[in-house]
Amino acid sequence: RSSEFGENILYFGPMASRTGFYLL
């Protein structure tokens, strides 16, 4: 969210399976 195009980051969060993350 602090990156150059941070306003284009909608979501970063974990998978309930604890195998990774989603980035929108």
PDBML (XML) file of the C-alpha atoms, coordinates in Angstrom:
<?xml version="1.0" encoding="UTF-8" ?>
<PDBx:datablock datablockName="MODEL"
   xmlns:PDBx="http://pdbml.pdb.org/schema/pdbx-v50.xsd"
   xmlns:xsi="http://www.w3.org/2001/XMLSchema-instance"
   xsi:schemaLocation="http://pdbml.pdb.org/schema/pdbx-v50.xsd pdbx-v50.xsd">
   <PDBx:atom_siteCategory>
      <PDBx:atom_site id="1">
         <PDBx:B_iso_or_equiv>0.00</PDBx:B_iso_or_equiv>
         <PDBx:Cartn_x>0.000</PDBx:Cartn_x>
         <PDBx:Cartn_y>0.000</PDBx:Cartn_y>
         <PDBx:Cartn_z>0.000</PDBx:Cartn_z>
         <PDBx:auth_asym_id>A</PDBx:auth_asym_id>
         <PDBx:auth_atom_id>CA</PDBx:auth_atom_id>
         <PDBx:auth_comp_id>ARG</PDBx:auth_comp_id>
         <PDBx:auth_seq_id>1</PDBx:auth_seq_id>
         <PDBx:group_PDB>ATOM</PDBx:group_PDB>
         <PDBx:label_alt_id xsi:nil="true" />
         <PDBx:label_asym_id>A</PDBx:label_asym_id>
         <PDBx:label_atom_id>CA</PDBx:label_atom_id>
         <PDBx:label_comp_id>ARG</PDBx:label_comp_id>
         <PDBx:label_entity_id>1</PDBx:label_entity_id>
         <PDBx:label_seq_id>1</PDBx:label_seq_id>
         <PDBx:occupancy>1.00</PDBx:occupancy>
         <PDBx:pdbx_PDB_model_num>1</PDBx:pdbx_PDB_model_num>
         <PDBx:type_symbol>C</PDBx:type_symbol>
      </PDBx:atom_site>
      <PDBx:atom_site id="2">
         <PDBx:B_iso_or_equiv>0.00</PDBx:B_iso_or_equiv>
         <PDBx:Cartn_x>3.050</PDBx:Cartn_x>
         <PDBx:Cartn_y>2.268</PDBx:Cartn_y>
         <PDBx:Cartn_z>0.317</PDBx:Cartn_z>
         <PDBx:auth_asym_id>A</PDBx:auth_asym_id>
         <PDBx:auth_atom_id>CA</PDBx:auth_atom_id>
         <PDBx:auth_comp_id>SER</PDBx:auth_comp_id>
         <PDBx:auth_seq_id>2</PDBx:auth_seq_id>
         <PDBx:group_PDB>ATOM</PDBx:group_PDB>
         <PDBx:label_alt_id xsi:nil="true" />
         <PDBx:label_asym_id>A</PDBx:label_asym_id>
         <PDBx:label_atom_id>CA</PDBx:label_atom_id>
         <PDBx:label_comp_id>SER</PDBx:label_comp_id>
         <PDBx:label_entity_id>1</PDBx:label_entity_id>
         <PDBx:label_seq_id>2</PDBx:label_seq_id>
         <PDBx:occupancy>1.00</PDBx:occupancy>
         <PDBx:pdbx_PDB_model_num>1</PDBx:pdbx_PDB_model_num>
         <PDBx:type_symbol>C</PDBx:type_symbol>
      </PDBx:atom_site>
      <PDBx:atom_site id="3">
         <PDBx:B_iso_or_equiv>0.00</PDBx:B_iso_or_equiv>
         <PDBx:Cartn_x>4.310</PDBx:Cartn_x>
         <PDBx:Cartn_y>1.330</PDBx:Cartn_y>
         <PDBx:Cartn_z>-3.154</PDBx:Cartn_z>
         <PDBx:auth_asym_id>A</PDBx:auth_asym_id>
         <PDBx:auth_atom_id>CA</PDBx:auth_atom_id>
         <PDBx:auth_comp_id>SER</PDBx:auth_comp_id>
         <PDBx:auth_seq_id>3</PDBx:auth_seq_id>
         <PDBx:group_PDB>ATOM</PDBx:group_PDB>
         <PDBx:label_alt_id xsi:nil="true" />
         <PDBx:label_asym_id>A</PDBx:label_asym_id>
         <PDBx:label_atom_id>CA</PDBx:label_atom_id>
         <PDBx:label_comp_id>SER</PDBx:label_comp_id>
         <PDBx:label_entity_id>1</PDBx:label_entity_id>
         <PDBx:label_seq_id>3</PDBx:label_seq_id>
         <PDBx:occupancy>1.00</PDBx:occupancy>
         <PDBx:pdbx_PDB_model_num>1</PDBx:pdbx_PDB_model_num>
         <PDBx:type_symbol>C</PDBx:type_symbol>
      </PDBx:atom_site>
      <PDBx:atom_site id="4">
         <PDBx:B_iso_or_equiv>0.00</PDBx:B_iso_or_equiv>
         <PDBx:Cartn_x>4.264</PDBx:Cartn_x>
         <PDBx:Cartn_y>3.578</PDBx:Cartn_y>
         <PDBx:Cartn_z>-6.206</PDBx:Cartn_z>
         <PDBx:auth_asym_id>A</PDBx:auth_asym_id>
         <PDBx:auth_atom_id>CA</PDBx:auth_atom_id>
         <PDBx:auth_comp_id>GLU</PDBx:auth_comp_id>
         <PDBx:auth_seq_id>4</PDBx:auth_seq_id>
         <PDBx:group_PDB>ATOM</PDBx:group_PDB>
         <PDBx:label_alt_id xsi:nil="true" />
         <PDBx:label_asym_id>A</PDBx:label_asym_id>
         <PDBx:label_atom_id>CA</PDBx:label_atom_id>
         <PDBx:label_comp_id>GLU</PDBx:label_comp_id>
         <PDBx:label_entity_id>1</PDBx:label_entity_id>
         <PDBx:label_seq_id>4</PDBx:label_seq_id>
         <PDBx:occupancy>1.00</PDBx:occupancy>
         <PDBx:pdbx_PDB_model_num>1</PDBx:pdbx_PDB_model_num>
         <PDBx:type_symbol>C</PDBx:type_symbol>
      </PDBx:atom_site>
      <PDBx:atom_site id="5">
         <PDBx:B_iso_or_equiv>0.00</PDBx:B_iso_or_equiv>
         <PDBx:Cartn_x>0.781</PDBx:Cartn_x>
         <PDBx:Cartn_y>2.415</PDBx:Cartn_y>
         <PDBx:Cartn_z>-7.205</PDBx:Cartn_z>
         <PDBx:auth_asym_id>A</PDBx:auth_asym_id>
         <PDBx:auth_atom_id>CA</PDBx:auth_atom_id>
         <PDBx:auth_comp_id>PHE</PDBx:auth_comp_id>
         <PDBx:auth_seq_id>5</PDBx:auth_seq_id>
         <PDBx:group_PDB>ATOM</PDBx:group_PDB>
         <PDBx:label_alt_id xsi:nil="true" />
         <PDBx:label_asym_id>A</PDBx:label_asym_id>
         <PDBx:label_atom_id>CA</PDBx:label_atom_id>
         <PDBx:label_comp_id>PHE</PDBx:label_comp_id>
         <PDBx:label_entity_id>1</PDBx:label_entity_id>
         <PDBx:label_seq_id>5</PDBx:label_seq_id>
         <PDBx:occupancy>1.00</PDBx:occupancy>
         <PDBx:pdbx_PDB_model_num>1</PDBx:pdbx_PDB_model_num>
         <PDBx:type_symbol>C</PDBx:type_symbol>
      </PDBx:atom_site>
      <PDBx:atom_site id="6">
         <PDBx:B_iso_or_equiv>0.00</PDBx:B_iso_or_equiv>
         <PDBx:Cartn_x>-0.488</PDBx:Cartn_x>
         <PDBx:Cartn_y>1.716</PDBx:Cartn_y>
         <PDBx:Cartn_z>-3.693</PDBx:Cartn_z>
         <PDBx:auth_asym_id>A</PDBx:auth_asym_id>
         <PDBx:auth_atom_id>CA</PDBx:auth_atom_id>
         <PDBx:auth_comp_id>GLY</PDBx:auth_comp_id>
         <PDBx:auth_seq_id>6</PDBx:auth_seq_id>
         <PDBx:group_PDB>ATOM</PDBx:group_PDB>
         <PDBx:label_alt_id xsi:nil="true" />
         <PDBx:label_asym_id>A</PDBx:label_asym_id>
         <PDBx:label_atom_id>CA</PDBx:label_atom_id>
         <PDBx:label_comp_id>GLY</PDBx:label_comp_id>
         <PDBx:label_entity_id>1</PDBx:label_entity_id>
         <PDBx:label_seq_id>6</PDBx:label_seq_id>
         <PDBx:occupancy>1.00</PDBx:occupancy>
         <PDBx:pdbx_PDB_model_num>1</PDBx:pdbx_PDB_model_num>
         <PDBx:type_symbol>C</PDBx:type_symbol>
      </PDBx:atom_site>
      <PDBx:atom_site id="7">
         <PDBx:B_iso_or_equiv>0.00</PDBx:B_iso_or_equiv>
         <PDBx:Cartn_x>-3.894</PDBx:Cartn_x>
         <PDBx:Cartn_y>3.184</PDBx:Cartn_y>
         <PDBx:Cartn_z>-4.510</PDBx:Cartn_z>
         <PDBx:auth_asym_id>A</PDBx:auth_asym_id>
         <PDBx:auth_atom_id>CA</PDBx:auth_atom_id>
         <PDBx:auth_comp_id>GLU</PDBx:auth_comp_id>
         <PDBx:auth_seq_id>7</PDBx:auth_seq_id>
         <PDBx:group_PDB>ATOM</PDBx:group_PDB>
         <PDBx:label_alt_id xsi:nil="true" />
         <PDBx:label_asym_id>A</PDBx:label_asym_id>
         <PDBx:label_atom_id>CA</PDBx:label_atom_id>
         <PDBx:label_comp_id>GLU</PDBx:label_comp_id>
         <PDBx:label_entity_id>1</PDBx:label_entity_id>
         <PDBx:label_seq_id>7</PDBx:label_seq_id>
         <PDBx:occupancy>1.00</PDBx:occupancy>
         <PDBx:pdbx_PDB_model_num>1</PDBx:pdbx_PDB_model_num>
         <PDBx:type_symbol>C</PDBx:type_symbol>
      </PDBx:atom_site>
      <PDBx:atom_site id="8">
         <PDBx:B_iso_or_equiv>0.00</PDBx:B_iso_or_equiv>
         <PDBx:Cartn_x>-4.330</PDBx:Cartn_x>
         <PDBx:Cartn_y>0.266</PDBx:Cartn_y>
         <PDBx:Cartn_z>-6.942</PDBx:Cartn_z>
         <PDBx:auth_asym_id>A</PDBx:auth_asym_id>
         <PDBx:auth_atom_id>CA</PDBx:auth_atom_id>
         <PDBx:auth_comp_id>ASN</PDBx:auth_comp_id>
         <PDBx:auth_seq_id>8</PDBx:auth_seq_id>
         <PDBx:group_PDB>ATOM</PDBx:group_PDB>
         <PDBx:label_alt_id xsi:nil="true" />
         <PDBx:label_asym_id>A</PDBx:label_asym_id>
         <PDBx:label_atom_id>CA</PDBx:label_atom_id>
         <PDBx:label_comp_id>ASN</PDBx:label_comp_id>
         <PDBx:label_entity_id>1</PDBx:label_entity_id>
         <PDBx:label_seq_id>8</PDBx:label_seq_id>
         <PDBx:occupancy>1.00</PDBx:occupancy>
         <PDBx:pdbx_PDB_model_num>1</PDBx:pdbx_PDB_model_num>
         <PDBx:type_symbol>C</PDBx:type_symbol>
      </PDBx:atom_site>
      <PDBx:atom_site id="9">
         <PDBx:B_iso_or_equiv>0.00</PDBx:B_iso_or_equiv>
         <PDBx:Cartn_x>-3.929</PDBx:Cartn_x>
         <PDBx:Cartn_y>-2.307</PDBx:Cartn_y>
         <PDBx:Cartn_z>-4.169</PDBx:Cartn_z>
         <PDBx:auth_asym_id>A</PDBx:auth_asym_id>
         <PDBx:auth_atom_id>CA</PDBx:auth_atom_id>
         <PDBx:auth_comp_id>ILE</PDBx:auth_comp_id>
         <PDBx:auth_seq_id>9</PDBx:auth_seq_id>
         <PDBx:group_PDB>ATOM</PDBx:group_PDB>
         <PDBx:label_alt_id xsi:nil="true" />
         <PDBx:label_asym_id>A</PDBx:label_asym_id>
         <PDBx:label_atom_id>CA</PDBx:label_atom_id>
         <PDBx:label_comp_id>ILE</PDBx:label_comp_id>
         <PDBx:label_entity_id>1</PDBx:label_entity_id>
         <PDBx:label_seq_id>9</PDBx:label_seq_id>
         <PDBx:occupancy>1.00</PDBx:occupancy>
         <PDBx:pdbx_PDB_model_num>1</PDBx:pdbx_PDB_model_num>
         <PDBx:type_symbol>C</PDBx:type_symbol>
      </PDBx:atom_site>
      <PDBx:atom_site id="10">
         <PDBx:B_iso_or_equiv>0.00</PDBx:B_iso_or_equiv>
         <PDBx:Cartn_x>-7.425</PDBx:Cartn_x>
         <PDBx:Cartn_y>-3.335</PDBx:Cartn_y>
         <PDBx:Cartn_z>-3.109</PDBx:Cartn_z>
         <PDBx:auth_asym_id>A</PDBx:auth_asym_id>
         <PDBx:auth_atom_id>CA</PDBx:auth_atom_id>
         <PDBx:auth_comp_id>LEU</PDBx:auth_comp_id>
         <PDBx:auth_seq_id>10</PDBx:auth_seq_id>
         <PDBx:group_PDB>ATOM</PDBx:group_PDB>
         <PDBx:label_alt_id xsi:nil="true" />
         <PDBx:label_asym_id>A</PDBx:label_asym_id>
         <PDBx:label_atom_id>CA</PDBx:label_atom_id>
         <PDBx:label_comp_id>LEU</PDBx:label_comp_id>
         <PDBx:label_entity_id>1</PDBx:label_entity_id>
         <PDBx:label_seq_id>10</PDBx:label_seq_id>
         <PDBx:occupancy>1.00</PDBx:occupancy>
         <PDBx:pdbx_PDB_model_num>1</PDBx:pdbx_PDB_model_num>
         <PDBx:type_symbol>C</PDBx:type_symbol>
      </PDBx:atom_site>
      <PDBx:atom_site id="11">
         <PDBx:B_iso_or_equiv>0.00</PDBx:B_iso_or_equiv>
         <PDBx:Cartn_x>-6.658</PDBx:Cartn_x>
         <PDBx:Cartn_y>-6.140</PDBx:Cartn_y>
         <PDBx:Cartn_z>-0.677</PDBx:Cartn_z>
         <PDBx:auth_asym_id>A</PDBx:auth_asym_id>
         <PDBx:auth_atom_id>CA</PDBx:auth_atom_id>
         <PDBx:auth_comp_id>TYR</PDBx:auth_comp_id>
         <PDBx:auth_seq_id>11</PDBx:auth_seq_id>
         <PDBx:group_PDB>ATOM</PDBx:group_PDB>
         <PDBx:label_alt_id xsi:nil="true" />
         <PDBx:label_asym_id>A</PDBx:label_asym_id>
         <PDBx:label_atom_id>CA</PDBx:label_atom_id>
         <PDBx:label_comp_id>TYR</PDBx:label_comp_id>
         <PDBx:label_entity_id>1</PDBx:label_entity_id>
         <PDBx:label_seq_id>11</PDBx:label_seq_id>
         <PDBx:occupancy>1.00</PDBx:occupancy>
         <PDBx:pdbx_PDB_model_num>1</PDBx:pdbx_PDB_model_num>
         <PDBx:type_symbol>C</PDBx:type_symbol>
      </PDBx:atom_site>
      <PDBx:atom_site id="12">
         <PDBx:B_iso_or_equiv>0.00</PDBx:B_iso_or_equiv>
         <PDBx:Cartn_x>-3.889</PDBx:Cartn_x>
         <PDBx:Cartn_y>-8.300</PDBx:Cartn_y>
         <PDBx:Cartn_z>0.706</PDBx:Cartn_z>
         <PDBx:auth_asym_id>A</PDBx:auth_asym_id>
         <PDBx:auth_atom_id>CA</PDBx:auth_atom_id>
         <PDBx:auth_comp_id>PHE</PDBx:auth_comp_id>
         <PDBx:auth_seq_id>12</PDBx:auth_seq_id>
         <PDBx:group_PDB>ATOM</PDBx:group_PDB>
         <PDBx:label_alt_id xsi:nil="true" />
         <PDBx:label_asym_id>A</PDBx:label_asym_id>
         <PDBx:label_atom_id>CA</PDBx:label_atom_id>
         <PDBx:label_comp_id>PHE</PDBx:label_comp_id>
         <PDBx:label_entity_id>1</PDBx:label_entity_id>
         <PDBx:label_seq_id>12</PDBx:label_seq_id>
         <PDBx:occupancy>1.00</PDBx:occupancy>
         <PDBx:pdbx_PDB_model_num>1</PDBx:pdbx_PDB_model_num>
         <PDBx:type_symbol>C</PDBx:type_symbol>
      </PDBx:atom_site>
      <PDBx:atom_site id="13">
         <PDBx:B_iso_or_equiv>0.00</PDBx:B_iso_or_equiv>
         <PDBx:Cartn_x>-4.880</PDBx:Cartn_x>
         <PDBx:Cartn_y>-11.042</PDBx:Cartn_y>
         <PDBx:Cartn_z>3.121</PDBx:Cartn_z>
         <PDBx:auth_asym_id>A</PDBx:auth_asym_id>
         <PDBx:auth_atom_id>CA</PDBx:auth_atom_id>
         <PDBx:auth_comp_id>GLY</PDBx:auth_comp_id>
         <PDBx:auth_seq_id>13</PDBx:auth_seq_id>
         <PDBx:group_PDB>ATOM</PDBx:group_PDB>
         <PDBx:label_alt_id xsi:nil="true" />
         <PDBx:label_asym_id>A</PDBx:label_asym_id>
         <PDBx:label_atom_id>CA</PDBx:label_atom_id>
         <PDBx:label_comp_id>GLY</PDBx:label_comp_id>
         <PDBx:label_entity_id>1</PDBx:label_entity_id>
         <PDBx:label_seq_id>13</PDBx:label_seq_id>
         <PDBx:occupancy>1.00</PDBx:occupancy>
         <PDBx:pdbx_PDB_model_num>1</PDBx:pdbx_PDB_model_num>
         <PDBx:type_symbol>C</PDBx:type_symbol>
      </PDBx:atom_site>
      <PDBx:atom_site id="14">
         <PDBx:B_iso_or_equiv>0.00</PDBx:B_iso_or_equiv>
         <PDBx:Cartn_x>-4.430</PDBx:Cartn_x>
         <PDBx:Cartn_y>-14.659</PDBx:Cartn_y>
         <PDBx:Cartn_z>4.181</PDBx:Cartn_z>
         <PDBx:auth_asym_id>A</PDBx:auth_asym_id>
         <PDBx:auth_atom_id>CA</PDBx:auth_atom_id>
         <PDBx:auth_comp_id>PRO</PDBx:auth_comp_id>
         <PDBx:auth_seq_id>14</PDBx:auth_seq_id>
         <PDBx:group_PDB>ATOM</PDBx:group_PDB>
         <PDBx:label_alt_id xsi:nil="true" />
         <PDBx:label_asym_id>A</PDBx:label_asym_id>
         <PDBx:label_atom_id>CA</PDBx:label_atom_id>
         <PDBx:label_comp_id>PRO</PDBx:label_comp_id>
         <PDBx:label_entity_id>1</PDBx:label_entity_id>
         <PDBx:label_seq_id>14</PDBx:label_seq_id>
         <PDBx:occupancy>1.00</PDBx:occupancy>
         <PDBx:pdbx_PDB_model_num>1</PDBx:pdbx_PDB_model_num>
         <PDBx:type_symbol>C</PDBx:type_symbol>
      </PDBx:atom_site>
      <PDBx:atom_site id="15">
         <PDBx:B_iso_or_equiv>0.00</PDBx:B_iso_or_equiv>
         <PDBx:Cartn_x>-6.091</PDBx:Cartn_x>
         <PDBx:Cartn_y>-17.802</PDBx:Cartn_y>
         <PDBx:Cartn_z>2.897</PDBx:Cartn_z>
         <PDBx:auth_asym_id>A</PDBx:auth_asym_id>
         <PDBx:auth_atom_id>CA</PDBx:auth_atom_id>
         <PDBx:auth_comp_id>MET</PDBx:auth_comp_id>
         <PDBx:auth_seq_id>15</PDBx:auth_seq_id>
         <PDBx:group_PDB>ATOM</PDBx:group_PDB>
         <PDBx:label_alt_id xsi:nil="true" />
         <PDBx:label_asym_id>A</PDBx:label_asym_id>
         <PDBx:label_atom_id>CA</PDBx:label_atom_id>
         <PDBx:label_comp_id>MET</PDBx:label_comp_id>
         <PDBx:label_entity_id>1</PDBx:label_entity_id>
         <PDBx:label_seq_id>15</PDBx:label_seq_id>
         <PDBx:occupancy>1.00</PDBx:occupancy>
         <PDBx:pdbx_PDB_model_num>1</PDBx:pdbx_PDB_model_num>
         <PDBx:type_symbol>C</PDBx:type_symbol>
      </PDBx:atom_site>
      <PDBx:atom_site id="16">
         <PDBx:B_iso_or_equiv>0.00</PDBx:B_iso_or_equiv>
         <PDBx:Cartn_x>-8.078</PDBx:Cartn_x>
         <PDBx:Cartn_y>-19.636</PDBx:Cartn_y>
         <PDBx:Cartn_z>5.559</PDBx:Cartn_z>
         <PDBx:auth_asym_id>A</PDBx:auth_asym_id>
         <PDBx:auth_atom_id>CA</PDBx:auth_atom_id>
         <PDBx:auth_comp_id>ALA</PDBx:auth_comp_id>
         <PDBx:auth_seq_id>16</PDBx:auth_seq_id>
         <PDBx:group_PDB>ATOM</PDBx:group_PDB>
         <PDBx:label_alt_id xsi:nil="true" />
         <PDBx:label_asym_id>A</PDBx:label_asym_id>
         <PDBx:label_atom_id>CA</PDBx:label_atom_id>
         <PDBx:label_comp_id>ALA</PDBx:label_comp_id>
         <PDBx:label_entity_id>1</PDBx:label_entity_id>
         <PDBx:label_seq_id>16</PDBx:label_seq_id>
         <PDBx:occupancy>1.00</PDBx:occupancy>
         <PDBx:pdbx_PDB_model_num>1</PDBx:pdbx_PDB_model_num>
         <PDBx:type_symbol>C</PDBx:type_symbol>
      </PDBx:atom_site>
      <PDBx:atom_site id="17">
         <PDBx:B_iso_or_equiv>0.00</PDBx:B_iso_or_equiv>
         <PDBx:Cartn_x>-6.214</PDBx:Cartn_x>
         <PDBx:Cartn_y>-22.814</PDBx:Cartn_y>
         <PDBx:Cartn_z>4.543</PDBx:Cartn_z>
         <PDBx:auth_asym_id>A</PDBx:auth_asym_id>
         <PDBx:auth_atom_id>CA</PDBx:auth_atom_id>
         <PDBx:auth_comp_id>SER</PDBx:auth_comp_id>
         <PDBx:auth_seq_id>17</PDBx:auth_seq_id>
         <PDBx:group_PDB>ATOM</PDBx:group_PDB>
         <PDBx:label_alt_id xsi:nil="true" />
         <PDBx:label_asym_id>A</PDBx:label_asym_id>
         <PDBx:label_atom_id>CA</PDBx:label_atom_id>
         <PDBx:label_comp_id>SER</PDBx:label_comp_id>
         <PDBx:label_entity_id>1</PDBx:label_entity_id>
         <PDBx:label_seq_id>17</PDBx:label_seq_id>
         <PDBx:occupancy>1.00</PDBx:occupancy>
         <PDBx:pdbx_PDB_model_num>1</PDBx:pdbx_PDB_model_num>
         <PDBx:type_symbol>C</PDBx:type_symbol>
      </PDBx:atom_site>
      <PDBx:atom_site id="18">
         <PDBx:B_iso_or_equiv>0.00</PDBx:B_iso_or_equiv>
         <PDBx:Cartn_x>-2.979</PDBx:Cartn_x>
         <PDBx:Cartn_y>-21.211</PDBx:Cartn_y>
         <PDBx:Cartn_z>5.814</PDBx:Cartn_z>
         <PDBx:auth_asym_id>A</PDBx:auth_asym_id>
         <PDBx:auth_atom_id>CA</PDBx:auth_atom_id>
         <PDBx:auth_comp_id>ARG</PDBx:auth_comp_id>
         <PDBx:auth_seq_id>18</PDBx:auth_seq_id>
         <PDBx:group_PDB>ATOM</PDBx:group_PDB>
         <PDBx:label_alt_id xsi:nil="true" />
         <PDBx:label_asym_id>A</PDBx:label_asym_id>
         <PDBx:label_atom_id>CA</PDBx:label_atom_id>
         <PDBx:label_comp_id>ARG</PDBx:label_comp_id>
         <PDBx:label_entity_id>1</PDBx:label_entity_id>
         <PDBx:label_seq_id>18</PDBx:label_seq_id>
         <PDBx:occupancy>1.00</PDBx:occupancy>
         <PDBx:pdbx_PDB_model_num>1</PDBx:pdbx_PDB_model_num>
         <PDBx:type_symbol>C</PDBx:type_symbol>
      </PDBx:atom_site>
      <PDBx:atom_site id="19">
         <PDBx:B_iso_or_equiv>0.00</PDBx:B_iso_or_equiv>
         <PDBx:Cartn_x>-1.275</PDBx:Cartn_x>
         <PDBx:Cartn_y>-21.995</PDBx:Cartn_y>
         <PDBx:Cartn_z>2.491</PDBx:Cartn_z>
         <PDBx:auth_asym_id>A</PDBx:auth_asym_id>
         <PDBx:auth_atom_id>CA</PDBx:auth_atom_id>
         <PDBx:auth_comp_id>THR</PDBx:auth_comp_id>
         <PDBx:auth_seq_id>19</PDBx:auth_seq_id>
         <PDBx:group_PDB>ATOM</PDBx:group_PDB>
         <PDBx:label_alt_id xsi:nil="true" />
         <PDBx:label_asym_id>A</PDBx:label_asym_id>
         <PDBx:label_atom_id>CA</PDBx:label_atom_id>
         <PDBx:label_comp_id>THR</PDBx:label_comp_id>
         <PDBx:label_entity_id>1</PDBx:label_entity_id>
         <PDBx:label_seq_id>19</PDBx:label_seq_id>
         <PDBx:occupancy>1.00</PDBx:occupancy>
         <PDBx:pdbx_PDB_model_num>1</PDBx:pdbx_PDB_model_num>
         <PDBx:type_symbol>C</PDBx:type_symbol>
      </PDBx:atom_site>
      <PDBx:atom_site id="20">
         <PDBx:B_iso_or_equiv>0.00</PDBx:B_iso_or_equiv>
         <PDBx:Cartn_x>-0.778</PDBx:Cartn_x>
         <PDBx:Cartn_y>-18.406</PDBx:Cartn_y>
         <PDBx:Cartn_z>1.327</PDBx:Cartn_z>
         <PDBx:auth_asym_id>A</PDBx:auth_asym_id>
         <PDBx:auth_atom_id>CA</PDBx:auth_atom_id>
         <PDBx:auth_comp_id>GLY</PDBx:auth_comp_id>
         <PDBx:auth_seq_id>20</PDBx:auth_seq_id>
         <PDBx:group_PDB>ATOM</PDBx:group_PDB>
         <PDBx:label_alt_id xsi:nil="true" />
         <PDBx:label_asym_id>A</PDBx:label_asym_id>
         <PDBx:label_atom_id>CA</PDBx:label_atom_id>
         <PDBx:label_comp_id>GLY</PDBx:label_comp_id>
         <PDBx:label_entity_id>1</PDBx:label_entity_id>
         <PDBx:label_seq_id>20</PDBx:label_seq_id>
         <PDBx:occupancy>1.00</PDBx:occupancy>
         <PDBx:pdbx_PDB_model_num>1</PDBx:pdbx_PDB_model_num>
         <PDBx:type_symbol>C</PDBx:type_symbol>
      </PDBx:atom_site>
      <PDBx:atom_site id="21">
         <PDBx:B_iso_or_equiv>0.00</PDBx:B_iso_or_equiv>
         <PDBx:Cartn_x>-2.352</PDBx:Cartn_x>
         <PDBx:Cartn_y>-15.056</PDBx:Cartn_y>
         <PDBx:Cartn_z>0.564</PDBx:Cartn_z>
         <PDBx:auth_asym_id>A</PDBx:auth_asym_id>
         <PDBx:auth_atom_id>CA</PDBx:auth_atom_id>
         <PDBx:auth_comp_id>PHE</PDBx:auth_comp_id>
         <PDBx:auth_seq_id>21</PDBx:auth_seq_id>
         <PDBx:group_PDB>ATOM</PDBx:group_PDB>
         <PDBx:label_alt_id xsi:nil="true" />
         <PDBx:label_asym_id>A</PDBx:label_asym_id>
         <PDBx:label_atom_id>CA</PDBx:label_atom_id>
         <PDBx:label_comp_id>PHE</PDBx:label_comp_id>
         <PDBx:label_entity_id>1</PDBx:label_entity_id>
         <PDBx:label_seq_id>21</PDBx:label_seq_id>
         <PDBx:occupancy>1.00</PDBx:occupancy>
         <PDBx:pdbx_PDB_model_num>1</PDBx:pdbx_PDB_model_num>
         <PDBx:type_symbol>C</PDBx:type_symbol>
      </PDBx:atom_site>
      <PDBx:atom_site id="22">
         <PDBx:B_iso_or_equiv>0.00</PDBx:B_iso_or_equiv>
         <PDBx:Cartn_x>-4.561</PDBx:Cartn_x>
         <PDBx:Cartn_y>-13.258</PDBx:Cartn_y>
         <PDBx:Cartn_z>-1.927</PDBx:Cartn_z>
         <PDBx:auth_asym_id>A</PDBx:auth_asym_id>
         <PDBx:auth_atom_id>CA</PDBx:auth_atom_id>
         <PDBx:auth_comp_id>TYR</PDBx:auth_comp_id>
         <PDBx:auth_seq_id>22</PDBx:auth_seq_id>
         <PDBx:group_PDB>ATOM</PDBx:group_PDB>
         <PDBx:label_alt_id xsi:nil="true" />
         <PDBx:label_asym_id>A</PDBx:label_asym_id>
         <PDBx:label_atom_id>CA</PDBx:label_atom_id>
         <PDBx:label_comp_id>TYR</PDBx:label_comp_id>
         <PDBx:label_entity_id>1</PDBx:label_entity_id>
         <PDBx:label_seq_id>22</PDBx:label_seq_id>
         <PDBx:occupancy>1.00</PDBx:occupancy>
         <PDBx:pdbx_PDB_model_num>1</PDBx:pdbx_PDB_model_num>
         <PDBx:type_symbol>C</PDBx:type_symbol>
      </PDBx:atom_site>
      <PDBx:atom_site id="23">
         <PDBx:B_iso_or_equiv>0.00</PDBx:B_iso_or_equiv>
         <PDBx:Cartn_x>-3.575</PDBx:Cartn_x>
         <PDBx:Cartn_y>-9.951</PDBx:Cartn_y>
         <PDBx:Cartn_z>-3.507</PDBx:Cartn_z>
         <PDBx:auth_asym_id>A</PDBx:auth_asym_id>
         <PDBx:auth_atom_id>CA</PDBx:auth_atom_id>
         <PDBx:auth_comp_id>LEU</PDBx:auth_comp_id>
         <PDBx:auth_seq_id>23</PDBx:auth_seq_id>
         <PDBx:group_PDB>ATOM</PDBx:group_PDB>
         <PDBx:label_alt_id xsi:nil="true" />
         <PDBx:label_asym_id>A</PDBx:label_asym_id>
         <PDBx:label_atom_id>CA</PDBx:label_atom_id>
         <PDBx:label_comp_id>LEU</PDBx:label_comp_id>
         <PDBx:label_entity_id>1</PDBx:label_entity_id>
         <PDBx:label_seq_id>23</PDBx:label_seq_id>
         <PDBx:occupancy>1.00</PDBx:occupancy>
         <PDBx:pdbx_PDB_model_num>1</PDBx:pdbx_PDB_model_num>
         <PDBx:type_symbol>C</PDBx:type_symbol>
      </PDBx:atom_site>
      <PDBx:atom_site id="24">
         <PDBx:B_iso_or_equiv>0.00</PDBx:B_iso_or_equiv>
         <PDBx:Cartn_x>-6.263</PDBx:Cartn_x>
         <PDBx:Cartn_y>-7.991</PDBx:Cartn_y>
         <PDBx:Cartn_z>-5.349</PDBx:Cartn_z>
         <PDBx:auth_asym_id>A</PDBx:auth_asym_id>
         <PDBx:auth_atom_id>CA</PDBx:auth_atom_id>
         <PDBx:auth_comp_id>LEU</PDBx:auth_comp_id>
         <PDBx:auth_seq_id>24</PDBx:auth_seq_id>
         <PDBx:group_PDB>ATOM</PDBx:group_PDB>
         <PDBx:label_alt_id xsi:nil="true" />
         <PDBx:label_asym_id>A</PDBx:label_asym_id>
         <PDBx:label_atom_id>CA</PDBx:label_atom_id>
         <PDBx:label_comp_id>LEU</PDBx:label_comp_id>
         <PDBx:label_entity_id>1</PDBx:label_entity_id>
         <PDBx:label_seq_id>24</PDBx:label_seq_id>
         <PDBx:occupancy>1.00</PDBx:occupancy>
         <PDBx:pdbx_PDB_model_num>1</PDBx:pdbx_PDB_model_num>
         <PDBx:type_symbol>C</PDBx:type_symbol>
      </PDBx:atom_site>
   </PDBx:atom_siteCategory>
</PDBx:datablock>
